[in-house]
Protein backbone atom coordinates (compact mmCIF):
# COMPACT_ATOMS: atom_id res chain seq x y z
CA MET A 1 3.44 8.28 -6.95
CA SER A 2 1.02 5.89 -4.79
CA LEU A 3 0.26 6.64 -1.01
CA THR A 4 -0.50 4.19 1.29
CA ILE A 5 -3.74 4.07 3.05
CA SER A 6 -2.35 3.36 6.66
CA ASP A 7 -6.32 3.58 8.18
CA PRO A 8 -7.79 -0.14 8.35
CA ALA A 9 -11.03 1.32 8.40
CA THR A 10 -10.24 4.10 5.29
CA ALA A 11 -8.49 1.29 3.46
CA ALA A 12 -11.88 -0.85 4.17
CA ALA A 13 -13.75 1.86 3.03
CA LEU A 14 -12.25 2.18 -0.46
CA ALA A 15 -12.07 -1.33 -0.90
CA ALA A 16 -16.02 -1.13 -0.71
CA ALA A 17 -16.41 1.62 -2.52
CA ALA A 18 -18.58 0.82 -6.24
CA THR A 19 -18.85 4.50 -7.18
CA PRO A 20 -15.86 7.09 -7.85
CA GLN A 21 -15.89 9.12 -4.27
CA GLN A 22 -14.51 12.17 -3.57
CA LEU A 23 -11.72 12.22 -1.02
CA LEU A 24 -11.94 15.17 1.76
CA ALA A 25 -8.84 16.52 4.05
CA PRO A 26 -10.04 16.83 7.50
CA ASP A 27 -11.19 20.68 6.93
CA GLY A 28 -13.46 19.54 3.97
CA LYS A 29 -11.15 20.73 1.02
CA PRO A 30 -11.49 18.13 -1.84
CA LEU A 31 -7.99 16.71 -2.14
CA GLY A 32 -9.00 14.36 -5.51
CA ARG A 33 -11.20 11.25 -6.33
CA TYR A 34 -10.71 7.46 -5.89
CA ILE A 35 -12.18 5.91 -8.55
CA PRO A 36 -12.38 2.21 -7.61
CA PRO A 37 -11.02 -0.72 -10.09
CA VAL A 38 -13.64 -2.07 -12.63
CA PRO A 39 -11.95 -5.85 -14.09
CA GLY A 40 -10.92 -5.37 -17.91
CA MET A 41 -11.03 -1.71 -17.62
CA THR A 42 -7.67 -0.03 -17.28
CA PHE A 43 -9.23 3.70 -17.34
CA PRO A 44 -12.60 2.87 -15.59
CA GLU A 45 -13.33 6.85 -15.67
CA SER A 46 -13.68 6.73 -19.86
CA GLY A 47 -16.13 3.87 -19.71
CA GLN A 48 -14.42 1.71 -22.02
CA THR A 49 -12.99 -1.74 -21.59
CA ASP A 50 -9.41 -2.25 -22.42
CA ASP A 51 -10.67 -4.58 -25.16
CA GLU A 52 -12.58 -1.15 -27.07
CA LEU A 53 -9.55 0.60 -26.39
CA ARG A 54 -7.49 -1.18 -28.24
CA ARG A 55 -9.87 -2.08 -31.04
CA ARG A 56 -9.74 1.94 -31.24
CA ALA A 57 -6.25 2.37 -30.94
CA ASN A 58 -5.83 -0.55 -33.65
CA ASP A 59 -8.48 0.60 -36.40
CA PRO A 60 -6.69 1.74 -39.42
CA ASP A 61 -10.12 3.89 -40.44
CA GLY A 62 -10.30 5.82 -36.96
CA TRP A 63 -6.82 7.92 -37.55
CA VAL A 64 -5.62 10.79 -39.31
CA THR A 65 -2.43 12.38 -39.37
CA ALA A 66 -1.84 15.82 -38.12
CA ASP A 67 -0.87 16.99 -41.96
CA GLU A 68 -4.46 15.71 -42.61
CA VAL A 69 -6.09 17.85 -39.87
CA ALA A 70 -4.16 20.96 -40.66
CA ALA A 71 -5.31 21.01 -44.24
CA ARG A 72 -8.73 20.44 -42.33
CA LEU A 73 -8.18 23.42 -40.26
CA ARG A 74 -7.06 25.15 -43.13
CA GLU A 75 -10.14 24.36 -45.46
CA LEU A 76 -12.27 25.32 -42.78
CA LYS A 77 -10.59 28.69 -42.00
CA GLY A 78 -10.98 29.48 -46.04
CA SER A 79 -14.54 28.88 -45.65
CA ALA A 80 -15.29 31.15 -42.72
């Protein structure tokens, strides 16, 4: 869901933000966080570029199956 900022001063303040900003209601209660866009980073809060996320997703050695996870958990439970 998108929200349109109608107030030009607020829109300008958010456009000028270089770091995440906390958004507050008029009564001071937190509404959320605004994370400014970073070129080449779809999810800047992760600190990883899109290229790094793609590399990790396509790494054949970086993933295990659900069965492998379950087996490892059983192994750990048996050694406790």
